[in-house]
PDB file of N, CA and C in Angstrom:
ATOM      1  N   MET A   1       8.880 -17.491  44.207  1.00  0.00           N
ATOM      2  CA  MET A   1       7.981 -18.328  43.311  1.00  0.00           C
ATOM      3  C   MET A   1       8.146 -19.968  43.687  1.00  0.00           C
ATOM      4  N   ALA A   2       6.994 -20.587  43.490  1.00  0.00           N
ATOM      5  CA  ALA A   2       7.139 -22.110  43.537  1.00  0.00           C
ATOM      6  C   ALA A   2       7.922 -22.559  41.986  1.00  0.00           C
ATOM      7  N   LYS A   3       8.682 -23.294  42.209  1.00  0.00           N
ATOM      8  CA  LYS A   3       9.078 -24.187  40.932  1.00  0.00           C
ATOM      9  C   LYS A   3       8.011 -24.496  39.844  1.00  0.00           C
ATOM     10  N   ASN A   4       7.082 -25.102  40.069  1.00  0.00           N
ATOM     11  CA  ASN A   4       5.707 -25.135  39.245  1.00  0.00           C
ATOM     12  C   ASN A   4       5.522 -23.874  38.663  1.00  0.00           C
ATOM     13  N   THR A   5       5.608 -22.857  39.178  1.00  0.00           N
ATOM     14  CA  THR A   5       4.696 -21.452  39.046  1.00  0.00           C
ATOM     15  C   THR A   5       5.675 -20.846  38.087  1.00  0.00           C
ATOM     16  N   VAL A   6       7.077 -21.293  38.272  1.00  0.00           N
ATOM     17  CA  VAL A   6       8.308 -20.588  37.330  1.00  0.00           C
ATOM     18  C   VAL A   6       7.986 -21.311  36.096  1.00  0.00           C
ATOM     19  N   ASN A   7       7.843 -22.782  35.951  1.00  0.00           N
ATOM     20  CA  ASN A   7       7.965 -23.071  34.850  1.00  0.00           C
ATOM     21  C   ASN A   7       6.581 -22.846  34.164  1.00  0.00           C
ATOM     22  N   CYS A   8       5.526 -23.018  34.902  1.00  0.00           N
ATOM     23  CA  CYS A   8       4.540 -22.178  34.178  1.00  0.00           C
ATOM     24  C   CYS A   8       4.375 -21.163  33.575  1.00  0.00           C
ATOM     25  N   TYR A   9       5.144 -20.131  34.249  1.00  0.00           N
ATOM     26  CA  TYR A   9       5.146 -18.819  33.634  1.00  0.00           C
ATOM     27  C   TYR A   9       6.368 -18.876  32.186  1.00  0.00           C
ATOM     28  N   GLN A  10       7.338 -19.700  32.630  1.00  0.00           N
ATOM     29  CA  GLN A  10       8.336 -19.857  31.467  1.00  0.00           C
ATOM     30  C   GLN A  10       7.548 -20.268  30.445  1.00  0.00           C
ATOM     31  N   ASN A  11       6.651 -21.232  30.312  1.00  0.00           N
ATOM     32  CA  ASN A  11       5.794 -21.945  29.183  1.00  0.00           C
ATOM     33  C   ASN A  11       5.114 -20.886  28.557  1.00  0.00           C
ATOM     34  N   ASN A  12       4.453 -20.148  29.418  1.00  0.00           N
ATOM     35  CA  ASN A  12       3.350 -18.976  29.044  1.00  0.00           C
ATOM     36  C   ASN A  12       4.279 -18.305  27.918  1.00  0.00           C
ATOM     37  N   VAL A  13       5.545 -17.603  28.465  1.00  0.00           N
ATOM     38  CA  VAL A  13       6.082 -16.600  27.807  1.00  0.00           C
ATOM     39  C   VAL A  13       6.518 -17.615  26.553  1.00  0.00           C
ATOM     40  N   ALA A  14       6.925 -18.656  26.350  1.00  0.00           N
ATOM     41  CA  ALA A  14       7.250 -19.240  25.221  1.00  0.00           C
ATOM     42  C   ALA A  14       6.112 -19.133  24.269  1.00  0.00           C
ATOM     43  N   TRP A  15       4.889 -19.545  24.885  1.00  0.00           N
ATOM     44  CA  TRP A  15       3.644 -19.724  23.573  1.00  0.00           C
ATOM     45  C   TRP A  15       3.463 -18.233  23.433  1.00  0.00           C
ATOM     46  N   LEU A  16       3.433 -17.043  24.336  1.00  0.00           N
ATOM     47  CA  LEU A  16       3.435 -15.803  23.497  1.00  0.00           C
ATOM     48  C   LEU A  16       4.242 -15.381  22.812  1.00  0.00           C
ATOM     49  N   TYR A  17       5.589 -15.676  22.592  1.00  0.00           N
ATOM     50  CA  TYR A  17       6.663 -15.564  21.848  1.00  0.00           C
ATOM     51  C   TYR A  17       6.328 -15.810  20.581  1.00  0.00           C
ATOM     52  N   LEU A  18       5.908 -17.637  20.429  1.00  0.00           N
ATOM     53  CA  LEU A  18       5.718 -18.226  19.201  1.00  0.00           C
ATOM     54  C   LEU A  18       4.289 -17.640  18.661  1.00  0.00           C
ATOM     55  N   LEU A  19       3.403 -17.192  19.437  1.00  0.00           N
ATOM     56  CA  LEU A  19       2.126 -16.964  18.690  1.00  0.00           C
ATOM     57  C   LEU A  19       2.472 -15.476  18.088  1.00  0.00           C
ATOM     58  N   THR A  20       3.272 -14.770  18.778  1.00  0.00           N
ATOM     59  CA  THR A  20       3.401 -13.342  18.236  1.00  0.00           C
ATOM     60  C   THR A  20       4.295 -13.463  16.961  1.00  0.00           C
ATOM     61  N   ALA A  21       5.366 -14.297  17.242  1.00  0.00           N
ATOM     62  CA  ALA A  21       6.222 -14.541  15.775  1.00  0.00           C
ATOM     63  C   ALA A  21       5.371 -14.962  14.710  1.00  0.00           C
ATOM     64  N   TRP A  22       4.554 -15.815  14.914  1.00  0.00           N
ATOM     65  CA  TRP A  22       3.493 -16.559  13.883  1.00  0.00           C
ATOM     66  C   TRP A  22       2.669 -15.528  13.586  1.00  0.00           C
ATOM     67  N   GLY A  23       1.949 -14.400  14.406  1.00  0.00           N
ATOM     68  CA  GLY A  23       1.374 -13.307  13.698  1.00  0.00           C
ATOM     69  C   GLY A  23       2.212 -12.608  12.699  1.00  0.00           C
ATOM     70  N   ASN A  24       3.210 -12.372  13.132  1.00  0.00           N
ATOM     71  CA  ASN A  24       4.218 -11.464  12.272  1.00  0.00           C
ATOM     72  C   ASN A  24       4.773 -12.204  10.788  1.00  0.00           C
ATOM     73  N   TRP A  25       5.084 -13.486  11.200  1.00  0.00           N
ATOM     74  CA  TRP A  25       5.542 -14.571   9.919  1.00  0.00           C
ATOM     75  C   TRP A  25       4.144 -14.507   9.039  1.00  0.00           C
ATOM     76  N   SER A  26       3.036 -14.899   9.414  1.00  0.00           N
ATOM     77  CA  SER A  26       1.645 -15.068   8.743  1.00  0.00           C
ATOM     78  C   SER A  26       1.315 -13.780   8.037  1.00  0.00           C
ATOM     79  N   GLY A  27       1.581 -12.704   8.269  1.00  0.00           N
ATOM     80  CA  GLY A  27       1.560 -11.379   7.994  1.00  0.00           C
ATOM     81  C   GLY A  27       2.452 -11.086   6.802  1.00  0.00           C
ATOM     82  N   SER A  28       3.676 -11.439   7.045  1.00  0.00           N
ATOM     83  CA  SER A  28       4.619 -11.148   5.785  1.00  0.00           C
ATOM     84  C   SER A  28       4.344 -11.863   4.634  1.00  0.00           C
ATOM     85  N   ARG A  29       3.709 -13.148   5.043  1.00  0.00           N
ATOM     86  CA  ARG A  29       3.456 -14.141   3.479  1.00  0.00           C
ATOM     87  C   ARG A  29       2.174 -13.823   2.851  1.00  0.00           C
ATOM     88  N   ILE A  30       1.582 -12.729   3.255  1.00  0.00           N
ATOM     89  CA  ILE A  30       0.143 -12.633   2.397  1.00  0.00           C
ATOM     90  C   ILE A  30       0.436 -12.137   1.457  1.00  0.00           C
ATOM     91  N   GLY A  31      -0.144 -12.688   0.008  1.00  0.00           N
ATOM     92  CA  GLY A  31      -0.081 -11.992  -1.145  1.00  0.00           C
ATOM     93  C   GLY A  31       1.255 -12.894  -1.735  1.00  0.00           C
ATOM     94  N   THR A  32       1.760 -13.800  -1.180  1.00  0.00           N
ATOM     95  CA  THR A  32       3.341 -14.509  -1.772  1.00  0.00           C
ATOM     96  C   THR A  32       2.934 -15.954  -1.994  1.00  0.00           C
ATOM     97  N   GLU A  33       3.314 -16.360  -3.200  1.00  0.00           N
ATOM     98  CA  GLU A  33       3.181 -17.736  -3.545  1.00  0.00           C
ATOM     99  C   GLU A  33       4.791 -18.437  -3.116  1.00  0.00           C
ATOM    100  N   TYR A  34       5.668 -17.956  -2.938  1.00  0.00           N
ATOM    101  CA  TYR A  34       6.849 -18.601  -2.799  1.00  0.00           C
ATOM    102  C   TYR A  34       7.392 -18.434  -1.337  1.00  0.00           C
ATOM    103  N   LYS A  35       8.115 -19.495  -1.246  1.00  0.00           N
ATOM    104  CA  LYS A  35       8.543 -19.314   0.403  1.00  0.00           C
ATOM    105  C   LYS A  35       9.667 -18.316   0.410  1.00  0.00           C
ATOM    106  N   ALA A  36       9.805 -17.716   1.921  1.00  0.00           N
ATOM    107  CA  ALA A  36      11.002 -16.542   1.868  1.00  0.00           C
ATOM    108  C   ALA A  36      12.225 -17.078   1.840  1.00  0.00           C
ATOM    109  N   ALA A  37      13.174 -16.599   1.369  1.00  0.00           N
ATOM    110  CA  ALA A  37      14.940 -17.058   2.037  1.00  0.00           C
ATOM    111  C   ALA A  37      15.049 -16.508   3.359  1.00  0.00           C
ATOM    112  N   TRP A  38      15.514 -17.785   4.134  1.00  0.00           N
ATOM    113  CA  TRP A  38      15.396 -17.351   5.449  1.00  0.00           C
ATOM    114  C   TRP A  38      16.999 -16.994   5.424  1.00  0.00           C
ATOM    115  N   PRO A  39      17.817 -16.101   6.407  1.00  0.00           N
ATOM    116  CA  PRO A  39      16.509 -15.064   7.140  1.00  0.00           C
ATOM    117  C   PRO A  39      15.728 -14.181   6.169  1.00  0.00           C
ATOM    118  N   LEU A  40      14.807 -13.518   6.620  1.00  0.00           N
ATOM    119  CA  LEU A  40      14.237 -12.499   5.998  1.00  0.00           C
ATOM    120  C   LEU A  40      14.859 -11.424   6.145  1.00  0.00           C
ATOM    121  N   VAL A  41      14.929 -10.572   4.788  1.00  0.00           N
ATOM    122  CA  VAL A  41      15.489  -9.255   5.225  1.00  0.00           C
ATOM    123  C   VAL A  41      14.852  -8.463   5.347  1.00  0.00           C
ATOM    124  N   THR A  42      14.886  -7.669   6.911  1.00  0.00           N
ATOM    125  CA  THR A  42      14.120  -6.647   7.513  1.00  0.00           C
ATOM    126  C   THR A  42      14.866  -5.444   8.045  1.00  0.00           C
ATOM    127  N   ALA A  43      14.346  -4.612   7.822  1.00  0.00           N
ATOM    128  CA  ALA A  43      15.008  -3.182   8.686  1.00  0.00           C
ATOM    129  C   ALA A  43      15.926  -3.506  10.063  1.00  0.00           C
ATOM    130  N   SER A  44      17.048  -3.038   9.907  1.00  0.00           N
ATOM    131  CA  SER A  44      17.726  -3.270  11.147  1.00  0.00           C
ATOM    132  C   SER A  44      17.240  -2.874  12.436  1.00  0.00           C
ATOM    133  N   CYS A  45      16.373  -1.963  12.247  1.00  0.00           N
ATOM    134  CA  CYS A  45      15.727  -1.493  13.691  1.00  0.00           C
ATOM    135  C   CYS A  45      14.584  -2.427  13.886  1.00  0.00           C
ATOM    136  N   ASP A  46      14.248  -3.382  13.106  1.00  0.00           N
ATOM    137  CA  ASP A  46      12.917  -4.267  13.317  1.00  0.00           C
ATOM    138  C   ASP A  46      13.438  -5.223  14.017  1.00  0.00           C
ATOM    139  N   ILE A  47      12.644  -5.440  15.483  1.00  0.00           N
ATOM    140  CA  ILE A  47      12.893  -6.027  16.482  1.00  0.00           C
ATOM    141  C   ILE A  47      11.499  -7.049  16.590  1.00  0.00           C
ATOM    142  N   ARG A  48      10.663  -7.164  15.795  1.00  0.00           N
ATOM    143  CA  ARG A  48       9.772  -8.011  15.910  1.00  0.00           C
ATOM    144  C   ARG A  48      10.112  -9.585  15.943  1.00  0.00           C
ATOM    145  N   PRO A  49       9.473 -10.359  16.642  1.00  0.00           N
ATOM    146  CA  PRO A  49       9.768 -11.604  16.730  1.00  0.00           C
ATOM    147  C   PRO A  49       9.552 -12.365  15.300  1.00  0.00           C
ATOM    148  N   MET A  50      10.488 -13.299  14.706  1.00  0.00           N
ATOM    149  CA  MET A  50       9.812 -13.805  13.116  1.00  0.00           C
ATOM    150  C   MET A  50      10.142 -15.120  13.346  1.00  0.00           C
ATOM    151  N   LEU A  51       9.688 -15.916  12.454  1.00  0.00           N
ATOM    152  CA  LEU A  51       9.845 -17.516  12.357  1.00  0.00           C
ATOM    153  C   LEU A  51      10.223 -17.997  10.798  1.00  0.00           C
ATOM    154  N   SER A  52      11.030 -18.887  11.108  1.00  0.00           N
ATOM    155  CA  SER A  52      11.109 -19.385   9.664  1.00  0.00           C
ATOM    156  C   SER A  52       9.992 -20.206   9.194  1.00  0.00           C
ATOM    157  N   ASP A  53       9.992 -20.240   7.914  1.00  0.00           N
ATOM    158  CA  ASP A  53       9.053 -20.934   6.965  1.00  0.00           C
ATOM    159  C   ASP A  53       8.565 -22.062   7.831  1.00  0.00           C
ATOM    160  N   ALA A  54       9.631 -23.246   8.095  1.00  0.00           N
ATOM    161  CA  ALA A  54       9.366 -24.195   8.608  1.00  0.00           C
ATOM    162  C   ALA A  54       8.446 -24.081  10.069  1.00  0.00           C
ATOM    163  N   ASP A  55       8.879 -23.386  10.863  1.00  0.00           N
ATOM    164  CA  ASP A  55       8.206 -22.930  11.911  1.00  0.00           C
ATOM    165  C   ASP A  55       6.848 -22.497  11.883  1.00  0.00           C
ATOM    166  N   GLY A  56       7.049 -21.468  10.902  1.00  0.00           N
ATOM    167  CA  GLY A  56       5.694 -20.583  10.928  1.00  0.00           C
ATOM    168  C   GLY A  56       4.654 -21.639  10.450  1.00  0.00           C
ATOM    169  N   GLU A  57       4.839 -22.627   9.561  1.00  0.00           N
ATOM    170  CA  GLU A  57       4.121 -23.769   8.902  1.00  0.00           C
ATOM    171  C   GLU A  57       3.560 -24.360  10.169  1.00  0.00           C
ATOM    172  N   THR A  58       4.380 -25.025  10.953  1.00  0.00           N
ATOM    173  CA  THR A  58       4.218 -25.850  12.182  1.00  0.00           C
ATOM    174  C   THR A  58       3.131 -25.092  13.095  1.00  0.00           C
ATOM    175  N   VAL A  59       3.317 -23.849  13.298  1.00  0.00           N
ATOM    176  CA  VAL A  59       2.578 -22.983  14.212  1.00  0.00           C
ATOM    177  C   VAL A  59       1.363 -23.094  13.589  1.00  0.00           C
ATOM    178  N   ASP A  60       1.221 -22.625  12.233  1.00  0.00           N
ATOM    179  CA  ASP A  60       0.073 -22.368  11.367  1.00  0.00           C
ATOM    180  C   ASP A  60      -0.860 -23.581  11.304  1.00  0.00           C
ATOM    181  N   ARG A  61      -0.158 -24.770  11.536  1.00  0.00           N
ATOM    182  CA  ARG A  61      -0.581 -26.016  11.302  1.00  0.00           C
ATOM    183  C   ARG A  61      -1.526 -26.178  13.155  1.00  0.00           C
ATOM    184  N   ALA A  62      -0.709 -25.792  13.879  1.00  0.00           N
ATOM    185  CA  ALA A  62      -1.468 -25.918  15.408  1.00  0.00           C
ATOM    186  C   ALA A  62      -2.629 -25.216  15.863  1.00  0.00           C
ATOM    187  N   VAL A  63      -2.256 -24.002  15.171  1.00  0.00           N
ATOM    188  CA  VAL A  63      -3.372 -22.796  15.155  1.00  0.00           C
ATOM    189  C   VAL A  63      -4.534 -23.337  14.716  1.00  0.00           C
ATOM    190  N   GLY A  64      -4.668 -23.823  13.345  1.00  0.00           N
ATOM    191  CA  GLY A  64      -5.765 -24.175  12.474  1.00  0.00           C
ATOM    192  C   GLY A  64      -6.376 -25.586  13.043  1.00  0.00           C
ATOM    193  N   ARG A  65      -5.471 -26.428  13.843  1.00  0.00           N
ATOM    194  CA  ARG A  65      -6.167 -27.476  14.536  1.00  0.00           C
ATOM    195  C   ARG A  65      -7.159 -26.904  15.713  1.00  0.00           C
ATOM    196  N   LEU A  66      -6.703 -25.856  16.487  1.00  0.00           N
ATOM    197  CA  LEU A  66      -7.522 -25.108  17.567  1.00  0.00           C
ATOM    198  C   LEU A  66      -9.033 -25.092  17.018  1.00  0.00           C
ATOM    199  N   LYS A  67      -9.173 -24.682  15.598  1.00  0.00           N
ATOM    200  CA  LYS A  67     -10.552 -24.458  15.265  1.00  0.00           C
ATOM    201  C   LYS A  67     -11.542 -25.325  15.137  1.00  0.00           C
ATOM    202  N   HIS A  68     -11.010 -26.748  15.169  1.00  0.00           N
ATOM    203  CA  HIS A  68     -12.091 -27.910  15.481  1.00  0.00           C
ATOM    204  C   HIS A  68     -12.336 -28.191  16.833  1.00  0.00           C
ATOM    205  N   PHE A  69     -11.313 -27.514  17.825  1.00  0.00           N
ATOM    206  CA  PHE A  69     -11.925 -28.109  19.116  1.00  0.00           C
ATOM    207  C   PHE A  69     -12.513 -26.543  19.820  1.00  0.00           C
ATOM    208  N   ASP A  70     -11.934 -25.573  19.284  1.00  0.00           N
ATOM    209  CA  ASP A  70     -12.600 -24.133  20.085  1.00  0.00           C
ATOM    210  C   ASP A  70     -12.767 -22.936  18.805  1.00  0.00           C
ATOM    211  N   PRO A  71     -13.616 -23.166  18.116  1.00  0.00           N
ATOM    212  CA  PRO A  71     -13.617 -22.091  17.334  1.00  0.00           C
ATOM    213  C   PRO A  71     -13.886 -20.690  17.470  1.00  0.00           C
ATOM    214  N   LEU A  72     -14.224 -20.323  18.679  1.00  0.00           N
ATOM    215  CA  LEU A  72     -14.148 -19.118  19.466  1.00  0.00           C
ATOM    216  C   LEU A  72     -12.432 -18.628  19.778  1.00  0.00           C
ATOM    217  N   GLY A  73     -12.261 -19.542  20.447  1.00  0.00           N
ATOM    218  CA  GLY A  73     -10.613 -19.624  20.763  1.00  0.00           C
ATOM    219  C   GLY A  73      -9.571 -19.322  19.251  1.00  0.00           C
ATOM    220  N   TYR A  74     -10.052 -19.996  18.229  1.00  0.00           N
ATOM    221  CA  TYR A  74      -9.470 -19.931  17.058  1.00  0.00           C
ATOM    222  C   TYR A  74      -9.603 -18.295  16.745  1.00  0.00           C
ATOM    223  N   ASP A  75     -10.911 -18.000  16.658  1.00  0.00           N
ATOM    224  CA  ASP A  75     -11.069 -16.673  15.922  1.00  0.00           C
ATOM    225  C   ASP A  75     -10.273 -15.477  16.927  1.00  0.00           C
ATOM    226  N   ILE A  76     -10.531 -15.848  18.195  1.00  0.00           N
ATOM    227  CA  ILE A  76      -9.607 -14.833  19.026  1.00  0.00           C
ATOM    228  C   ILE A  76      -7.962 -14.778  18.619  1.00  0.00           C
ATOM    229  N   VAL A  77      -7.492 -15.938  18.827  1.00  0.00           N
ATOM    230  CA  VAL A  77      -6.144 -16.165  18.472  1.00  0.00           C
ATOM    231  C   VAL A  77      -5.770 -15.455  17.154  1.00  0.00           C
ATOM    232  N   VAL A  78      -6.511 -15.820  15.949  1.00  0.00           N
ATOM    233  CA  VAL A  78      -6.274 -15.247  14.538  1.00  0.00           C
ATOM    234  C   VAL A  78      -6.398 -13.733  14.519  1.00  0.00           C
ATOM    235  N   ALA A  79      -7.446 -12.998  15.463  1.00  0.00           N
ATOM    236  CA  ALA A  79      -7.693 -11.910  15.580  1.00  0.00           C
ATOM    237  C   ALA A  79      -6.759 -11.051  16.471  1.00  0.00           C
ATOM    238  N   TYR A  80      -6.220 -11.479  17.209  1.00  0.00           N
ATOM    239  CA  TYR A  80      -5.315 -10.808  18.203  1.00  0.00           C
ATOM    240  C   TYR A  80      -3.747 -10.778  17.572  1.00  0.00           C
ATOM    241  N   TYR A  81      -3.212 -11.999  17.216  1.00  0.00           N
ATOM    242  CA  TYR A  81      -2.250 -12.161  16.819  1.00  0.00           C
ATOM    243  C   TYR A  81      -1.772 -12.096  15.214  1.00  0.00           C
ATOM    244  N   LYS A  82      -3.007 -12.542  14.435  1.00  0.00           N
ATOM    245  CA  LYS A  82      -2.534 -12.381  12.843  1.00  0.00           C
ATOM    246  C   LYS A  82      -3.434 -10.831  12.623  1.00  0.00           C
ATOM    247  N   GLY A  83      -4.391 -10.752  13.028  1.00  0.00           N
ATOM    248  CA  GLY A  83      -5.248  -9.343  12.736  1.00  0.00           C
ATOM    249  C   GLY A  83      -4.783  -8.217  13.735  1.00  0.00           C
ATOM    250  N   LYS A  84      -3.825  -8.095  14.534  1.00  0.00           N
ATOM    251  CA  LYS A  84      -3.440  -7.331  15.665  1.00  0.00           C
ATOM    252  C   LYS A  84      -4.374  -6.518  16.005  1.00  0.00           C
ATOM    253  N   ALA A  85      -5.824  -7.216  16.349  1.00  0.00           N
ATOM    254  CA  ALA A  85      -6.630  -6.146  16.968  1.00  0.00           C
ATOM    255  C   ALA A  85      -6.404  -6.402  18.491  1.00  0.00           C
ATOM    256  N   SER A  86      -6.905  -5.583  19.216  1.00  0.00           N
ATOM    257  CA  SER A  86      -6.613  -5.114  20.781  1.00  0.00           C
ATOM    258  C   SER A  86      -7.417  -6.037  21.779  1.00  0.00           C
ATOM    259  N   CYS A  87      -7.348  -6.569  22.622  1.00  0.00           N
ATOM    260  CA  CYS A  87      -8.367  -7.244  23.417  1.00  0.00           C
ATOM    261  C   CYS A  87      -9.282  -6.603  23.738  1.00  0.00           C
ATOM    262  N   ARG A  88      -9.378  -5.241  24.012  1.00  0.00           N
ATOM    263  CA  ARG A  88     -10.542  -4.271  24.194  1.00  0.00           C
ATOM    264  C   ARG A  88     -11.340  -4.380  22.886  1.00  0.00           C
ATOM    265  N   ALA A  89     -10.989  -4.330  21.581  1.00  0.00           N
ATOM    266  CA  ALA A  89     -11.793  -4.529  20.714  1.00  0.00           C
ATOM    267  C   ALA A  89     -12.441  -5.717  20.294  1.00  0.00           C
ATOM    268  N   ILE A  90     -11.703  -6.883  20.544  1.00  0.00           N
ATOM    269  CA  ILE A  90     -12.273  -8.342  20.662  1.00  0.00           C
ATOM    270  C   ILE A  90     -13.431  -8.471  21.700  1.00  0.00           C
ATOM    271  N   GLY A  91     -12.945  -8.002  22.938  1.00  0.00           N
ATOM    272  CA  GLY A  91     -14.106  -7.917  24.166  1.00  0.00           C
ATOM    273  C   GLY A  91     -15.116  -7.299  23.620  1.00  0.00           C
ATOM    274  N   GLN A  92     -15.417  -5.992  23.070  1.00  0.00           N
ATOM    275  CA  GLN A  92     -16.420  -5.246  22.679  1.00  0.00           C
ATOM    276  C   GLN A  92     -17.214  -6.010  21.614  1.00  0.00           C
ATOM    277  N   GLU A  93     -16.526  -6.693  20.666  1.00  0.00           N
ATOM    278  CA  GLU A  93     -17.263  -7.418  19.584  1.00  0.00           C
ATOM    279  C   GLU A  93     -17.775  -8.308  20.145  1.00  0.00           C
ATOM    280  N   LEU A  94     -16.964  -9.366  21.140  1.00  0.00           N
ATOM    281  CA  LEU A  94     -18.073 -10.451  21.888  1.00  0.00           C
ATOM    282  C   LEU A  94     -18.880 -10.013  22.979  1.00  0.00           C
ATOM    283  N   GLY A  95     -18.958  -8.686  23.300  1.00  0.00           N
ATOM    284  CA  GLY A  95     -19.799  -8.228  24.357  1.00  0.00           C
ATOM    285  C   GLY A  95     -19.401  -8.592  25.540  1.00  0.00           C
ATOM    286  N   LYS A  96     -17.930  -9.072  25.777  1.00  0.00           N
ATOM    287  CA  LYS A  96     -17.415  -9.412  27.303  1.00  0.00           C
ATOM    288  C   LYS A  96     -16.247  -8.482  27.812  1.00  0.00           C
ATOM    289  N   PRO A  97     -16.352  -8.598  28.934  1.00  0.00           N
ATOM    290  CA  PRO A  97     -15.036  -7.706  29.672  1.00  0.00           C
ATOM    291  C   PRO A  97     -13.819  -7.976  28.874  1.00  0.00           C
ATOM    292  N   THR A  98     -13.067  -6.799  29.021  1.00  0.00           N
ATOM    293  CA  THR A  98     -11.268  -7.334  28.096  1.00  0.00           C
ATOM    294  C   THR A  98     -10.469  -8.428  29.151  1.00  0.00           C
ATOM    295  N   TYR A  99     -10.710  -8.546  30.351  1.00  0.00           N
ATOM    296  CA  TYR A  99     -10.146  -9.238  31.306  1.00  0.00           C
ATOM    297  C   TYR A  99     -10.428 -10.703  30.762  1.00  0.00           C
ATOM    298  N   THR A 100     -11.608 -11.094  30.110  1.00  0.00           N
ATOM    299  CA  THR A 100     -11.893 -12.314  29.750  1.00  0.00           C
ATOM    300  C   THR A 100     -11.096 -12.921  28.626  1.00  0.00           C
ATOM    301  N   ILE A 101     -10.593 -11.876  27.867  1.00  0.00           N
ATOM    302  CA  ILE A 101     -10.169 -12.124  26.535  1.00  0.00           C
ATOM    303  C   ILE A 101      -8.544 -12.567  26.741  1.00  0.00           C
TER     304      ILE A 101
END
């Protein structure tokens, strides 16, 4: 692999991790009005990526800004990472092939 391809791949993996962790973080914050103590107490077998509140809020603001530039992209990101909808379900809802999501 070329160096640029490897760097691009690593950046994509980092973004996927952040968005997955953000989806888990935002799901754990529903119905709470107080910040969680970090680290969150989770089951010892829970291996889902999570974020601290500060990091979660940072990613949340970035995702929120996406809504102004690409409302459909925002809806897809929220449905997939926060709502845990599958690419197939999102594609069917939009009337598009799964590989375009």
